Protein backbone atom coordinates (compact mmCIF):
# COMPACT_ATOMS: atom_id res chain seq x y z
CA UNK A 1 -1.66 10.14 54.18
CA UNK A 2 -0.09 11.45 50.99
CA UNK A 3 -1.55 11.19 47.53
CA UNK A 4 0.88 8.50 46.42
CA UNK A 5 0.20 6.32 49.50
CA UNK A 6 -3.49 5.81 48.82
CA UNK A 7 -4.58 2.36 47.68
CA UNK A 8 -6.72 3.59 44.81
CA UNK A 9 -3.73 5.49 43.42
CA UNK A 10 -1.51 2.38 43.60
CA UNK A 11 -4.22 0.34 41.86
CA UNK A 12 -4.59 3.03 39.16
CA UNK A 13 -0.81 2.97 38.51
CA UNK A 14 -0.82 -0.84 38.38
CA UNK A 15 -3.71 -0.93 35.93
CA UNK A 16 -2.10 1.73 33.76
CA UNK A 17 1.05 -0.39 33.44
CA UNK A 18 -0.88 -3.39 32.21
CA UNK A 19 -3.57 -1.87 30.01
CA UNK A 20 -3.37 -1.26 26.27
CA UNK A 21 -4.51 1.83 24.50
CA UNK A 22 -5.91 1.94 20.98
CA UNK A 23 -5.03 4.88 18.81
CA UNK A 24 -5.32 5.86 15.16
CA UNK A 25 -2.76 4.52 12.76
CA UNK A 26 -1.00 7.85 12.19
CA UNK A 27 1.22 6.98 9.24
CA UNK A 28 -1.74 5.75 7.22
CA UNK A 29 -3.94 8.72 8.19
CA UNK A 30 -1.17 11.15 7.37
CA UNK A 31 -0.53 9.53 3.96
CA UNK A 32 -4.22 9.57 3.12
CA UNK A 33 -4.49 13.23 4.12
CA UNK A 34 -1.58 14.21 1.87
CA UNK A 35 -3.04 12.11 -0.96
CA UNK A 36 -6.47 13.70 -0.60
CA UNK A 37 -5.15 17.28 -0.57
CA UNK A 38 -2.71 16.64 -3.44
CA UNK A 39 -5.39 15.07 -5.61
CA UNK A 40 -7.81 17.88 -4.94
CA UNK A 41 -5.20 20.55 -5.70
CA UNK A 42 -4.16 18.69 -8.90
CA UNK A 43 -7.80 18.55 -9.93
CA UNK A 44 -8.23 22.25 -9.22
CA UNK A 45 -5.15 23.15 -11.23
CA UNK A 46 -6.24 20.92 -14.08
CA UNK A 47 -9.71 22.44 -14.05
CA UNK A 48 -8.74 26.08 -13.85
CA UNK A 49 -5.40 26.32 -15.59
CA UNK A 50 -5.28 23.47 -18.14
CA UNK A 51 -9.00 23.19 -18.97
CA UNK A 52 -8.57 19.40 -18.87
CA UNK A 53 -11.99 18.34 -17.73
CA UNK A 54 -11.33 14.58 -17.90
CA UNK A 55 -8.11 14.79 -15.89
CA UNK A 56 -9.76 17.09 -13.37
CA UNK A 57 -12.58 14.58 -12.92
CA UNK A 58 -10.12 11.76 -12.33
CA UNK A 59 -8.30 13.86 -9.74
CA UNK A 60 -11.51 14.85 -7.95
CA UNK A 61 -12.65 11.22 -7.92
CA UNK A 62 -9.30 10.16 -6.46
CA UNK A 63 -9.52 12.89 -3.83
CA UNK A 64 -13.09 11.82 -2.89
CA UNK A 65 -12.11 8.13 -2.67
CA UNK A 66 -9.01 8.75 -0.53
CA UNK A 67 -11.06 11.13 1.65
CA UNK A 68 -13.67 8.45 2.27
CA UNK A 69 -11.01 5.88 3.09
CA UNK A 70 -9.42 8.37 5.45
CA UNK A 71 -12.69 8.91 7.26
CA UNK A 72 -13.01 5.13 7.62
CA UNK A 73 -9.56 4.93 9.15
CA UNK A 74 -10.38 7.77 11.49
CA UNK A 75 -13.73 6.58 12.81
CA UNK A 76 -13.66 2.74 12.53
CA UNK A 77 -12.13 1.58 15.76
CA UNK A 78 -11.35 -1.89 14.37
CA UNK A 79 -8.73 -0.30 12.13
CA UNK A 80 -6.95 1.41 15.00
CA UNK A 81 -3.64 0.00 16.23
CA UNK A 82 -2.98 -1.08 19.79
CA UNK A 83 -0.16 0.65 21.61
CA UNK A 84 1.72 -1.36 24.10
CA UNK A 85 1.90 -0.12 27.74
CA UNK A 86 4.99 1.61 28.91
């Protein structure tokens, strides 16, 4: 009896065709990652080069906020999207 002839393998293939898989919403996670890094770099440049403490604080706050939102999107499974089978 070959591997593809076994009943459990046929049942596994049938279930895989009809099940849905949840995955992270990649466009949102990618956008939030870019926003976090850009805000942090802008804050660092404003802090070191321009000596603009207020602007650096705003940039660091924006980076922290977008980083927290990104972590929520990464770890909260209710915000994941459902991929259709196939």
